[in-house]
Amino acid sequence: MTADHRVVTRTGLARMAVLALLWGSSFLWIKLALRGFSPVQIVFARLLLGFVVLAPLALARGLGFPRGWRLWGHLAVAALLANAIPYVLFGVAEETIGSNVAGVLNATTPLWTLLLAFLVGVDRSVSWTKAGGFALGFLGVVVIFSPWESANEIASWGGLVCLAAAASYGISYVYMGRHLAGRGISPLMLSASQLGAATVLLALAMPVVGLEPPTWRWDAVVSLLVLGVLGTGAAYVLNYRIIAAEGATAASVVGYLLPLVAVGLGWLVVDEVVTPAILAGVVLVLLGVALARRATGGIGVRSVGRRKTVDRDVRT
């Protein structure tokens, strides 16, 4: 992947800060939305709202929806792995753990991506730098969980669910690198189509697991609207704007800010405890991600043949 060394402007820095706030605060909005809605209801609403924001914008730019059942099949799988499963898992996890912990564990996504890329043969290169990155990231997760503390709520199934959600993100990036990258489809329309497919998947699941009567609390409703319109729809648009103006390298830096935003907002808004283990784990995970990225040139997965490299940000 060709490195991007553009100089980031002040406007670019402001956009990056806003994007980090939008994506990093998603964990807090999920926590607040859970006061009135089930995880499945939250995910269905945020996907639908995100699609409503992206699709008209893509169509207004003259972009057409992808054609072909085979391509839509790949989009459906990507929607399942990158949206439906991890979104629901993070919602389920935050019923028992803090939004700050969910945000920190989400930062392990690049490590899962690189590990899975190695296992499936997409990227079999191994270096001491990459190995060190994985070791630091794993150590950070262990420190966050702190299994030696018997009363630690993080060392519960909720924390494991967050790791499963991050792993699902990793699988999705490898899958999208193989089956959706390099097809000449605008990233904006690709994202709108994927959100549309994910909305359909959640609509099919709603009659089975989403029928609990919601509690129409104002804070839960507002959180759901912010999560869908801003955290899902507008954030995608802003991300593409940053990539176009400042480059993919600058855009990828936002991923390092998400756990910091999640931890800070959880502490400020809902009084979540910030322990030394969480802070130390954040540092170790981000150092591990930085080393692993340095060894491979980015979070992305090098795809097969002539297809281009996919470079995805860490987000929820």
C-alpha atoms as a PDB file:
ATOM      1  CA  MET A   1       0.000   0.000   0.000  1.00  0.00           C
ATOM      2  CA  THR A   2       1.366   3.379  -0.940  1.00  0.00           C
ATOM      3  CA  ALA A   3       1.956   5.597   2.074  1.00  0.00           C
ATOM      4  CA  ASP A   4       0.071   8.897   2.193  1.00  0.00           C
ATOM      5  CA  HIS A   5       2.135  11.789   3.538  1.00  0.00           C
ATOM      6  CA  ARG A   6      -0.173  14.726   2.946  1.00  0.00           C
ATOM      7  CA  VAL A   7      -0.018  17.621   5.401  1.00  0.00           C
ATOM      8  CA  VAL A   8      -3.168  17.658   7.519  1.00  0.00           C
ATOM      9  CA  THR A   9      -4.850  21.070   7.543  1.00  0.00           C
ATOM     10  CA  ARG A  10      -6.548  22.689  10.523  1.00  0.00           C
ATOM     11  CA  THR A  11      -9.883  21.908   8.934  1.00  0.00           C
ATOM     12  CA  GLY A  12      -8.787  18.298   8.577  1.00  0.00           C
ATOM     13  CA  LEU A  13      -7.786  18.139  12.233  1.00  0.00           C
ATOM     14  CA  ALA A  14     -11.175  19.538  13.227  1.00  0.00           C
ATOM     15  CA  ARG A  15     -12.940  16.937  11.084  1.00  0.00           C
ATOM     16  CA  MET A  16     -10.841  14.162  12.594  1.00  0.00           C
ATOM     17  CA  ALA A  17     -11.692  15.361  16.098  1.00  0.00           C
ATOM     18  CA  VAL A  18     -15.412  15.417  15.275  1.00  0.00           C
ATOM     19  CA  LEU A  19     -15.240  11.943  13.725  1.00  0.00           C
ATOM     20  CA  ALA A  20     -13.407  10.569  16.771  1.00  0.00           C
ATOM     21  CA  LEU A  21     -16.107  12.081  18.976  1.00  0.00           C
ATOM     22  CA  LEU A  22     -18.910  10.621  16.845  1.00  0.00           C
ATOM     23  CA  TRP A  23     -17.488   7.100  16.704  1.00  0.00           C
ATOM     24  CA  GLY A  24     -15.960   7.106  20.168  1.00  0.00           C
ATOM     25  CA  SER A  25     -19.214   8.278  21.762  1.00  0.00           C
ATOM     26  CA  SER A  26     -21.178   5.463  20.103  1.00  0.00           C
ATOM     27  CA  PHE A  27     -20.470   3.217  23.083  1.00  0.00           C
ATOM     28  CA  LEU A  28     -21.981   5.811  25.424  1.00  0.00           C
ATOM     29  CA  TRP A  29     -25.068   6.231  23.216  1.00  0.00           C
ATOM     30  CA  ILE A  30     -25.530   2.460  23.206  1.00  0.00           C
ATOM     31  CA  LYS A  31     -25.342   2.449  27.005  1.00  0.00           C
ATOM     32  CA  LEU A  32     -27.953   5.195  27.282  1.00  0.00           C
ATOM     33  CA  ALA A  33     -30.221   3.704  24.605  1.00  0.00           C
ATOM     34  CA  LEU A  34     -30.283   0.425  26.552  1.00  0.00           C
ATOM     35  CA  ARG A  35     -32.327   2.240  29.204  1.00  0.00           C
ATOM     36  CA  GLY A  36     -35.321   2.037  26.893  1.00  0.00           C
ATOM     37  CA  PHE A  37     -34.618  -0.447  24.103  1.00  0.00           C
ATOM     38  CA  SER A  38     -33.232  -3.947  23.631  1.00  0.00           C
ATOM     39  CA  PRO A  39     -29.919  -4.461  21.800  1.00  0.00           C
ATOM     40  CA  VAL A  40     -31.677  -5.758  18.678  1.00  0.00           C
ATOM     41  CA  GLN A  41     -34.075  -2.794  18.619  1.00  0.00           C
ATOM     42  CA  ILE A  42     -31.150  -0.385  18.964  1.00  0.00           C
ATOM     43  CA  VAL A  43     -29.233  -1.973  16.115  1.00  0.00           C
ATOM     44  CA  PHE A  44     -32.237  -2.049  13.782  1.00  0.00           C
ATOM     45  CA  ALA A  45     -32.936   1.646  14.410  1.00  0.00           C
ATOM     46  CA  ARG A  46     -29.323   2.790  14.005  1.00  0.00           C
ATOM     47  CA  LEU A  47     -28.885   0.820  10.777  1.00  0.00           C
ATOM     48  CA  LEU A  48     -32.127   2.157   9.329  1.00  0.00           C
ATOM     49  CA  LEU A  49     -31.271   5.733  10.289  1.00  0.00           C
ATOM     50  CA  GLY A  50     -27.751   5.362   8.906  1.00  0.00           C
ATOM     51  CA  PHE A  51     -29.123   4.043   5.606  1.00  0.00           C
ATOM     52  CA  VAL A  52     -31.615   6.917   5.435  1.00  0.00           C
ATOM     53  CA  VAL A  53     -28.710   9.362   5.728  1.00  0.00           C
ATOM     54  CA  LEU A  54     -26.302   7.661   3.295  1.00  0.00           C
ATOM     55  CA  ALA A  55     -28.561   6.390   0.519  1.00  0.00           C
ATOM     56  CA  PRO A  56     -30.090   9.753  -0.552  1.00  0.00           C
ATOM     57  CA  LEU A  57     -26.646  11.363  -0.456  1.00  0.00           C
ATOM     58  CA  ALA A  58     -25.172   8.641  -2.660  1.00  0.00           C
ATOM     59  CA  LEU A  59     -28.084   8.820  -5.098  1.00  0.00           C
ATOM     60  CA  ALA A  60     -27.843  12.620  -5.214  1.00  0.00           C
ATOM     61  CA  ARG A  61     -24.250  12.225  -6.409  1.00  0.00           C
ATOM     62  CA  GLY A  62     -25.452  10.101  -9.305  1.00  0.00           C
ATOM     63  CA  LEU A  63     -24.281   6.813  -7.826  1.00  0.00           C
ATOM     64  CA  GLY A  64     -26.341   3.725  -8.589  1.00  0.00           C
ATOM     65  CA  PHE A  65     -26.954   0.754  -6.336  1.00  0.00           C
ATOM     66  CA  PRO A  66     -24.835  -2.327  -7.115  1.00  0.00           C
ATOM     67  CA  ARG A  67     -26.335  -4.937  -9.447  1.00  0.00           C
ATOM     68  CA  GLY A  68     -26.172  -8.686  -9.431  1.00  0.00           C
ATOM     69  CA  TRP A  69     -27.332 -11.281  -6.910  1.00  0.00           C
ATOM     70  CA  ARG A  70     -23.802 -12.520  -6.366  1.00  0.00           C
ATOM     71  CA  LEU A  71     -22.574  -9.076  -5.343  1.00  0.00           C
ATOM     72  CA  TRP A  72     -25.576  -8.536  -3.079  1.00  0.00           C
ATOM     73  CA  GLY A  73     -24.856 -11.917  -1.522  1.00  0.00           C
ATOM     74  CA  HIS A  74     -21.367 -10.716  -0.618  1.00  0.00           C
ATOM     75  CA  LEU A  75     -22.868  -7.479   0.715  1.00  0.00           C
ATOM     76  CA  ALA A  76     -25.266  -9.478   2.877  1.00  0.00           C
ATOM     77  CA  VAL A  77     -22.410 -11.506   4.371  1.00  0.00           C
ATOM     78  CA  ALA A  78     -20.410  -8.318   4.975  1.00  0.00           C
ATOM     79  CA  ALA A  79     -23.457  -6.696   6.576  1.00  0.00           C
ATOM     80  CA  LEU A  80     -23.864  -9.699   8.871  1.00  0.00           C
ATOM     81  CA  LEU A  81     -20.208  -9.734   9.934  1.00  0.00           C
ATOM     82  CA  ALA A  82     -19.485  -6.001  10.030  1.00  0.00           C
ATOM     83  CA  ASN A  83     -22.819  -4.613  11.229  1.00  0.00           C
ATOM     84  CA  ALA A  84     -25.500  -6.980  12.457  1.00  0.00           C
ATOM     85  CA  ILE A  85     -23.401  -9.324  14.618  1.00  0.00           C
ATOM     86  CA  PRO A  86     -20.912  -6.881  16.214  1.00  0.00           C
ATOM     87  CA  TYR A  87     -23.504  -4.136  16.762  1.00  0.00           C
ATOM     88  CA  VAL A  88     -25.804  -6.557  18.591  1.00  0.00           C
ATOM     89  CA  LEU A  89     -22.914  -8.088  20.545  1.00  0.00           C
ATOM     90  CA  PHE A  90     -21.714  -4.711  21.801  1.00  0.00           C
ATOM     91  CA  GLY A  91     -25.270  -3.879  22.880  1.00  0.00           C
ATOM     92  CA  VAL A  92     -25.605  -7.191  24.720  1.00  0.00           C
ATOM     93  CA  ALA A  93     -22.182  -6.719  26.347  1.00  0.00           C
ATOM     94  CA  GLU A  94     -22.973  -3.223  27.591  1.00  0.00           C
ATOM     95  CA  GLU A  95     -25.903  -4.593  29.556  1.00  0.00           C
ATOM     96  CA  THR A  96     -23.311  -5.930  32.015  1.00  0.00           C
ATOM     97  CA  ILE A  97     -20.097  -3.913  31.474  1.00  0.00           C
ATOM     98  CA  GLY A  98     -19.247  -0.253  31.065  1.00  0.00           C
ATOM     99  CA  SER A  99     -19.183   1.621  27.779  1.00  0.00           C
ATOM    100  CA  ASN A 100     -15.562   2.547  28.488  1.00  0.00           C
ATOM    101  CA  VAL A 101     -14.494  -1.101  28.571  1.00  0.00           C
ATOM    102  CA  ALA A 102     -16.422  -1.822  25.361  1.00  0.00           C
ATOM    103  CA  GLY A 103     -14.655   1.063  23.646  1.00  0.00           C
ATOM    104  CA  VAL A 104     -11.233  -0.161  24.755  1.00  0.00           C
ATOM    105  CA  LEU A 105     -11.841  -3.769  23.685  1.00  0.00           C
ATOM    106  CA  ASN A 106     -13.106  -2.548  20.320  1.00  0.00           C
ATOM    107  CA  ALA A 107      -9.583  -1.244  19.697  1.00  0.00           C
ATOM    108  CA  THR A 108      -8.380  -4.848  19.358  1.00  0.00           C
ATOM    109  CA  THR A 109     -10.101  -5.061  15.953  1.00  0.00           C
ATOM    110  CA  PRO A 110      -6.910  -4.421  13.906  1.00  0.00           C
ATOM    111  CA  LEU A 111      -5.125  -7.205  15.780  1.00  0.00           C
ATOM    112  CA  TRP A 112      -7.949  -9.638  14.990  1.00  0.00           C
ATOM    113  CA  THR A 113      -7.875  -8.490  11.354  1.00  0.00           C
ATOM    114  CA  LEU A 114      -4.166  -9.144  10.959  1.00  0.00           C
ATOM    115  CA  LEU A 115      -4.376 -12.476  12.779  1.00  0.00           C
ATOM    116  CA  LEU A 116      -7.239 -13.686  10.596  1.00  0.00           C
ATOM    117  CA  ALA A 117      -5.496 -12.425   7.457  1.00  0.00           C
ATOM    118  CA  PHE A 118      -2.524 -14.589   8.435  1.00  0.00           C
ATOM    119  CA  LEU A 119      -4.684 -17.655   9.174  1.00  0.00           C
ATOM    120  CA  VAL A 120      -6.523 -17.539   5.837  1.00  0.00           C
ATOM    121  CA  GLY A 121      -3.344 -16.893   3.863  1.00  0.00           C
ATOM    122  CA  VAL A 122      -4.038 -13.308   2.801  1.00  0.00           C
ATOM    123  CA  ASP A 123      -0.962 -12.027   4.618  1.00  0.00           C
ATOM    124  CA  ARG A 124       1.533 -14.648   5.808  1.00  0.00           C
ATOM    125  CA  SER A 125       4.392 -12.231   6.443  1.00  0.00           C
ATOM    126  CA  VAL A 126       5.770 -12.410   9.980  1.00  0.00           C
ATOM    127  CA  SER A 127       8.262 -10.015  11.530  1.00  0.00           C
ATOM    128  CA  TRP A 128       9.510  -9.267  15.010  1.00  0.00           C
ATOM    129  CA  THR A 129       7.679  -5.943  14.885  1.00  0.00           C
ATOM    130  CA  LYS A 130       4.370  -7.575  14.021  1.00  0.00           C
ATOM    131  CA  ALA A 131       4.875 -10.295  16.632  1.00  0.00           C
ATOM    132  CA  GLY A 132       5.686  -7.643  19.215  1.00  0.00           C
ATOM    133  CA  GLY A 133       2.531  -5.758  18.294  1.00  0.00           C
ATOM    134  CA  PHE A 134       0.382  -8.837  18.796  1.00  0.00           C
ATOM    135  CA  ALA A 135       2.100  -9.611  22.102  1.00  0.00           C
ATOM    136  CA  LEU A 136       1.562  -6.079  23.406  1.00  0.00           C
ATOM    137  CA  GLY A 137      -2.077  -6.070  22.274  1.00  0.00           C
ATOM    138  CA  PHE A 138      -2.736  -9.414  23.958  1.00  0.00           C
ATOM    139  CA  LEU A 139      -1.027  -8.204  27.132  1.00  0.00           C
ATOM    140  CA  GLY A 140      -3.218  -5.093  27.074  1.00  0.00           C
ATOM    141  CA  VAL A 141      -6.367  -7.222  26.899  1.00  0.00           C
ATOM    142  CA  VAL A 142      -5.141  -9.336  29.836  1.00  0.00           C
ATOM    143  CA  VAL A 143      -4.443  -6.201  31.868  1.00  0.00           C
ATOM    144  CA  ILE A 144      -7.897  -4.802  31.076  1.00  0.00           C
ATOM    145  CA  PHE A 145      -9.572  -8.034  32.159  1.00  0.00           C
ATOM    146  CA  SER A 146      -7.334  -8.346  35.251  1.00  0.00           C
ATOM    147  CA  PRO A 147      -8.413 -11.945  35.965  1.00  0.00           C
ATOM    148  CA  TRP A 148      -6.391 -11.909  39.191  1.00  0.00           C
ATOM    149  CA  GLU A 149      -9.023  -9.572  40.685  1.00  0.00           C
ATOM    150  CA  SER A 150     -11.894 -11.817  41.769  1.00  0.00           C
ATOM    151  CA  ALA A 151     -14.382  -8.942  41.998  1.00  0.00           C
ATOM    152  CA  ASN A 152     -13.578  -7.523  38.590  1.00  0.00           C
ATOM    153  CA  GLU A 153     -16.791  -7.169  36.544  1.00  0.00           C
ATOM    154  CA  ILE A 154     -14.800  -6.832  33.331  1.00  0.00           C
ATOM    155  CA  ALA A 155     -13.613 -10.442  33.588  1.00  0.00           C
ATOM    156  CA  SER A 156     -17.108 -11.617  32.734  1.00  0.00           C
ATOM    157  CA  TRP A 157     -18.961 -12.924  29.726  1.00  0.00           C
ATOM    158  CA  GLY A 158     -19.720  -9.309  28.722  1.00  0.00           C
ATOM    159  CA  GLY A 159     -16.038  -8.623  28.134  1.00  0.00           C
ATOM    160  CA  LEU A 160     -15.699 -11.811  26.122  1.00  0.00           C
ATOM    161  CA  VAL A 161     -18.704 -10.763  24.032  1.00  0.00           C
ATOM    162  CA  CYS A 162     -16.898  -7.498  23.198  1.00  0.00           C
ATOM    163  CA  LEU A 163     -13.877  -9.453  22.029  1.00  0.00           C
ATOM    164  CA  ALA A 164     -16.170 -11.618  19.892  1.00  0.00           C
ATOM    165  CA  ALA A 165     -17.629  -8.444  18.356  1.00  0.00           C
ATOM    166  CA  ALA A 166     -14.140  -7.123  17.575  1.00  0.00           C
ATOM    167  CA  ALA A 167     -13.243 -10.493  16.037  1.00  0.00           C
ATOM    168  CA  SER A 168     -16.372 -10.285  13.876  1.00  0.00           C
ATOM    169  CA  TYR A 169     -15.161  -6.904  12.614  1.00  0.00           C
ATOM    170  CA  GLY A 170     -11.817  -8.526  11.811  1.00  0.00           C
ATOM    171  CA  ILE A 171     -13.458 -11.349   9.858  1.00  0.00           C
ATOM    172  CA  SER A 172     -15.567  -8.841   7.938  1.00  0.00           C
ATOM    173  CA  TYR A 173     -12.528  -6.816   6.830  1.00  0.00           C
ATOM    174  CA  VAL A 174     -10.800  -9.907   5.504  1.00  0.00           C
ATOM    175  CA  TYR A 175     -14.001 -10.965   3.737  1.00  0.00           C
ATOM    176  CA  MET A 176     -14.588  -7.521   2.230  1.00  0.00           C
ATOM    177  CA  GLY A 177     -10.976  -7.348   1.099  1.00  0.00           C
ATOM    178  CA  ARG A 178     -11.469 -10.576  -0.849  1.00  0.00           C
ATOM    179  CA  HIS A 179     -14.974 -10.123  -2.233  1.00  0.00           C
ATOM    180  CA  LEU A 180     -15.921  -6.429  -2.329  1.00  0.00           C
ATOM    181  CA  ALA A 181     -12.722  -4.428  -2.816  1.00  0.00           C
ATOM    182  CA  GLY A 182     -11.619  -3.359  -6.274  1.00  0.00           C
ATOM    183  CA  ARG A 183     -15.006  -3.721  -7.995  1.00  0.00           C
ATOM    184  CA  GLY A 184     -15.220  -0.085  -9.029  1.00  0.00           C
ATOM    185  CA  ILE A 185     -18.059   0.704  -6.625  1.00  0.00           C
ATOM    186  CA  SER A 186     -17.962   4.016  -4.785  1.00  0.00           C
ATOM    187  CA  PRO A 187     -17.155   3.493  -1.080  1.00  0.00           C
ATOM    188  CA  LEU A 188     -20.098   5.739  -0.211  1.00  0.00           C
ATOM    189  CA  MET A 189     -22.567   3.623  -2.194  1.00  0.00           C
ATOM    190  CA  LEU A 190     -20.901   0.443  -0.945  1.00  0.00           C
ATOM    191  CA  SER A 191     -21.459   1.558   2.649  1.00  0.00           C
ATOM    192  CA  ALA A 192     -25.045   2.645   1.944  1.00  0.00           C
ATOM    193  CA  SER A 193     -25.784  -0.709   0.310  1.00  0.00           C
ATOM    194  CA  GLN A 194     -24.179  -2.610   3.178  1.00  0.00           C
ATOM    195  CA  LEU A 195     -26.224  -0.680   5.749  1.00  0.00           C
ATOM    196  CA  GLY A 196     -29.343  -1.386   3.682  1.00  0.00           C
ATOM    197  CA  ALA A 197     -28.573  -5.100   3.641  1.00  0.00           C
ATOM    198  CA  ALA A 198     -27.896  -5.065   7.389  1.00  0.00           C
ATOM    199  CA  THR A 199     -31.213  -3.280   7.982  1.00  0.00           C
ATOM    200  CA  VAL A 200     -33.030  -6.046   6.132  1.00  0.00           C
ATOM    201  CA  LEU A 201     -31.239  -8.700   8.214  1.00  0.00           C
ATOM    202  CA  LEU A 202     -32.257  -7.013  11.458  1.00  0.00           C
ATOM    203  CA  ALA A 203     -35.823  -6.557  10.193  1.00  0.00           C
ATOM    204  CA  LEU A 204     -35.980 -10.317   9.688  1.00  0.00           C
ATOM    205  CA  ALA A 205     -34.693 -10.877  13.226  1.00  0.00           C
ATOM    206  CA  MET A 206     -37.006  -8.368  14.902  1.00  0.00           C
ATOM    207  CA  PRO A 207     -40.133 -10.609  14.993  1.00  0.00           C
ATOM    208  CA  VAL A 208     -38.095 -13.293  16.758  1.00  0.00           C
ATOM    209  CA  VAL A 209     -35.825 -11.446  19.199  1.00  0.00           C
ATOM    210  CA  GLY A 210     -36.896  -7.801  19.102  1.00  0.00           C
ATOM    211  CA  LEU A 211     -40.485  -7.819  20.308  1.00  0.00           C
ATOM    212  CA  GLU A 212     -39.872  -6.626  23.878  1.00  0.00           C
ATOM    213  CA  PRO A 213     -42.006  -3.538  24.559  1.00  0.00           C
ATOM    214  CA  PRO A 214     -39.676  -0.510  24.554  1.00  0.00           C
ATOM    215  CA  THR A 215     -39.610   2.127  27.267  1.00  0.00           C
ATOM    216  CA  TRP A 216     -39.961   5.491  25.592  1.00  0.00           C
ATOM    217  CA  ARG A 217     -37.580   7.436  27.821  1.00  0.00           C
ATOM    218  CA  TRP A 218     -36.446  10.718  26.322  1.00  0.00           C
ATOM    219  CA  ASP A 219     -32.770  10.031  26.990  1.00  0.00           C
ATOM    220  CA  ALA A 220     -32.972   6.601  25.337  1.00  0.00           C
ATOM    221  CA  VAL A 221     -34.809   7.998  22.297  1.00  0.00           C
ATOM    222  CA  VAL A 222     -32.375  10.894  21.867  1.00  0.00           C
ATOM    223  CA  SER A 223     -29.414   8.525  22.247  1.00  0.00           C
ATOM    224  CA  LEU A 224     -30.849   6.235  19.591  1.00  0.00           C
ATOM    225  CA  LEU A 225     -31.352   9.128  17.167  1.00  0.00           C
ATOM    226  CA  VAL A 226     -27.825  10.427  17.727  1.00  0.00           C
ATOM    227  CA  LEU A 227     -26.375   6.927  17.348  1.00  0.00           C
ATOM    228  CA  GLY A 228     -28.167   6.335  14.049  1.00  0.00           C
ATOM    229  CA  VAL A 229     -28.125   9.741  12.358  1.00  0.00           C
ATOM    230  CA  LEU A 230     -24.765  11.031  13.570  1.00  0.00           C
ATOM    231  CA  GLY A 231     -22.786   8.043  14.843  1.00  0.00           C
ATOM    232  CA  THR A 232     -23.670   5.813  11.884  1.00  0.00           C
ATOM    233  CA  GLY A 233     -24.829   7.963   8.957  1.00  0.00           C
ATOM    234  CA  ALA A 234     -23.023  11.297   9.275  1.00  0.00           C
ATOM    235  CA  ALA A 235     -19.840   9.641  10.576  1.00  0.00           C
ATOM    236  CA  TYR A 236     -19.508   7.587   7.385  1.00  0.00           C
ATOM    237  CA  VAL A 237     -19.891  10.723   5.266  1.00  0.00           C
ATOM    238  CA  LEU A 238     -17.339  12.615   7.353  1.00  0.00           C
ATOM    239  CA  ASN A 239     -14.897   9.709   7.128  1.00  0.00           C
ATOM    240  CA  TYR A 240     -15.003   9.752   3.327  1.00  0.00           C
ATOM    241  CA  ARG A 241     -14.545  13.533   3.354  1.00  0.00           C
ATOM    242  CA  ILE A 242     -11.402  13.165   5.477  1.00  0.00           C
ATOM    243  CA  ILE A 243     -10.012  10.423   3.227  1.00  0.00           C
ATOM    244  CA  ALA A 244     -10.605  12.561   0.124  1.00  0.00           C
ATOM    245  CA  ALA A 245      -9.114  15.752   1.581  1.00  0.00           C
ATOM    246  CA  GLU A 246      -6.403  14.519   3.958  1.00  0.00           C
ATOM    247  CA  GLY A 247      -5.666  10.958   2.861  1.00  0.00           C
ATOM    248  CA  ALA A 248      -6.383   7.498   4.211  1.00  0.00           C
ATOM    249  CA  THR A 249      -3.381   7.591   6.550  1.00  0.00           C
ATOM    250  CA  ALA A 250      -4.715  10.630   8.379  1.00  0.00           C
ATOM    251  CA  ALA A 251      -8.183   9.125   8.531  1.00  0.00           C
ATOM    252  CA  SER A 252      -6.863   5.938  10.084  1.00  0.00           C
ATOM    253  CA  VAL A 253      -5.386   7.884  13.007  1.00  0.00           C
ATOM    254  CA  VAL A 254      -8.946   8.444  14.249  1.00  0.00           C
ATOM    255  CA  GLY A 255      -9.009   4.795  15.294  1.00  0.00           C
ATOM    256  CA  TYR A 256      -6.442   5.502  18.002  1.00  0.00           C
ATOM    257  CA  LEU A 257      -8.672   8.159  19.567  1.00  0.00           C
ATOM    258  CA  LEU A 258     -11.838   6.063  19.914  1.00  0.00           C
ATOM    259  CA  PRO A 259     -10.967   4.220  23.157  1.00  0.00           C
ATOM    260  CA  LEU A 260      -9.788   7.477  24.711  1.00  0.00           C
ATOM    261  CA  VAL A 261     -13.099   9.156  23.846  1.00  0.00           C
ATOM    262  CA  ALA A 262     -15.078   6.145  25.097  1.00  0.00           C
ATOM    263  CA  VAL A 263     -13.219   6.065  28.420  1.00  0.00           C
ATOM    264  CA  GLY A 264     -13.483   9.830  28.930  1.00  0.00           C
ATOM    265  CA  LEU A 265     -17.192  10.089  28.137  1.00  0.00           C
ATOM    266  CA  GLY A 266     -18.041   7.039  30.224  1.00  0.00           C
ATOM    267  CA  TRP A 267     -16.319   8.673  33.181  1.00  0.00           C
ATOM    268  CA  LEU A 268     -17.834  12.135  32.637  1.00  0.00           C
ATOM    269  CA  VAL A 269     -21.416  11.238  31.698  1.00  0.00           C
ATOM    270  CA  VAL A 270     -22.360   7.991  33.446  1.00  0.00           C
ATOM    271  CA  ASP A 271     -19.736   7.916  36.233  1.00  0.00           C
ATOM    272  CA  GLU A 272     -18.021   4.770  35.004  1.00  0.00           C
ATOM    273  CA  VAL A 273     -14.941   3.894  36.998  1.00  0.00           C
ATOM    274  CA  VAL A 274     -11.609   4.375  35.261  1.00  0.00           C
ATOM    275  CA  THR A 275      -9.150   1.987  36.884  1.00  0.00           C
ATOM    276  CA  PRO A 276      -5.371   1.948  36.447  1.00  0.00           C
ATOM    277  CA  ALA A 277      -5.784  -1.429  34.718  1.00  0.00           C
ATOM    278  CA  ILE A 278      -8.070   0.105  32.069  1.00  0.00           C
ATOM    279  CA  LEU A 279      -5.675   2.991  31.437  1.00  0.00           C
ATOM    280  CA  ALA A 280      -2.665   0.681  31.253  1.00  0.00           C
ATOM    281  CA  GLY A 281      -4.594  -1.675  28.972  1.00  0.00           C
ATOM    282  CA  VAL A 282      -5.504   1.186  26.631  1.00  0.00           C
ATOM    283  CA  VAL A 283      -1.847   2.154  26.277  1.00  0.00           C
ATOM    284  CA  LEU A 284      -0.705  -1.421  25.658  1.00  0.00           C
ATOM    285  CA  VAL A 285      -3.456  -2.169  23.123  1.00  0.00           C
ATOM    286  CA  LEU A 286      -2.809   1.020  21.162  1.00  0.00           C
ATOM    287  CA  LEU A 287       0.958   0.423  21.196  1.00  0.00           C
ATOM    288  CA  GLY A 288       0.336  -3.098  19.952  1.00  0.00           C
ATOM    289  CA  VAL A 289      -1.918  -1.820  17.168  1.00  0.00           C
ATOM    290  CA  ALA A 290       0.679   0.800  16.210  1.00  0.00           C
ATOM    291  CA  LEU A 291       3.462  -1.798  15.970  1.00  0.00           C
ATOM    292  CA  ALA A 292       1.314  -4.243  14.010  1.00  0.00           C
ATOM    293  CA  ARG A 293       0.229  -1.483  11.620  1.00  0.00           C
ATOM    294  CA  ARG A 294       3.829  -0.347  11.160  1.00  0.00           C
ATOM    295  CA  ALA A 295       4.820  -3.872  10.181  1.00  0.00           C
ATOM    296  CA  THR A 296       2.066  -4.192   7.560  1.00  0.00           C
ATOM    297  CA  GLY A 297       1.560  -0.608   6.373  1.00  0.00           C
ATOM    298  CA  GLY A 298      -1.922  -0.236   7.887  1.00  0.00           C
ATOM    299  CA  ILE A 299      -4.937  -1.964   9.328  1.00  0.00           C
ATOM    300  CA  GLY A 300      -5.991  -3.069   5.918  1.00  0.00           C
ATOM    301  CA  VAL A 301      -5.719  -6.513   4.366  1.00  0.00           C
ATOM    302  CA  ARG A 302      -3.808  -7.079   1.146  1.00  0.00           C
ATOM    303  CA  SER A 303      -6.236  -8.806  -1.133  1.00  0.00           C
ATOM    304  CA  VAL A 304      -5.595 -11.396  -3.802  1.00  0.00           C
ATOM    305  CA  GLY A 305      -4.736 -10.679  -7.446  1.00  0.00           C
ATOM    306  CA  ARG A 306      -5.239  -7.194  -8.804  1.00  0.00           C
ATOM    307  CA  ARG A 307      -7.676  -6.036  -6.153  1.00  0.00           C
ATOM    308  CA  LYS A 308      -6.643  -3.024  -4.151  1.00  0.00           C
ATOM    309  CA  THR A 309      -5.806  -2.921  -0.460  1.00  0.00           C
ATOM    310  CA  VAL A 310      -8.680  -2.232   1.905  1.00  0.00           C
ATOM    311  CA  ASP A 311      -7.888   0.117   4.794  1.00  0.00           C
ATOM    312  CA  ARG A 312     -10.707   0.187   7.332  1.00  0.00           C
ATOM    313  CA  ASP A 313     -10.912   2.307  10.446  1.00  0.00           C
ATOM    314  CA  VAL A 314     -11.606   0.887  13.890  1.00  0.00           C
ATOM    315  CA  ARG A 315     -15.156   1.803  14.714  1.00  0.00           C
ATOM    316  CA  THR A 316     -18.397   0.593  16.156  1.00  0.00           C
END
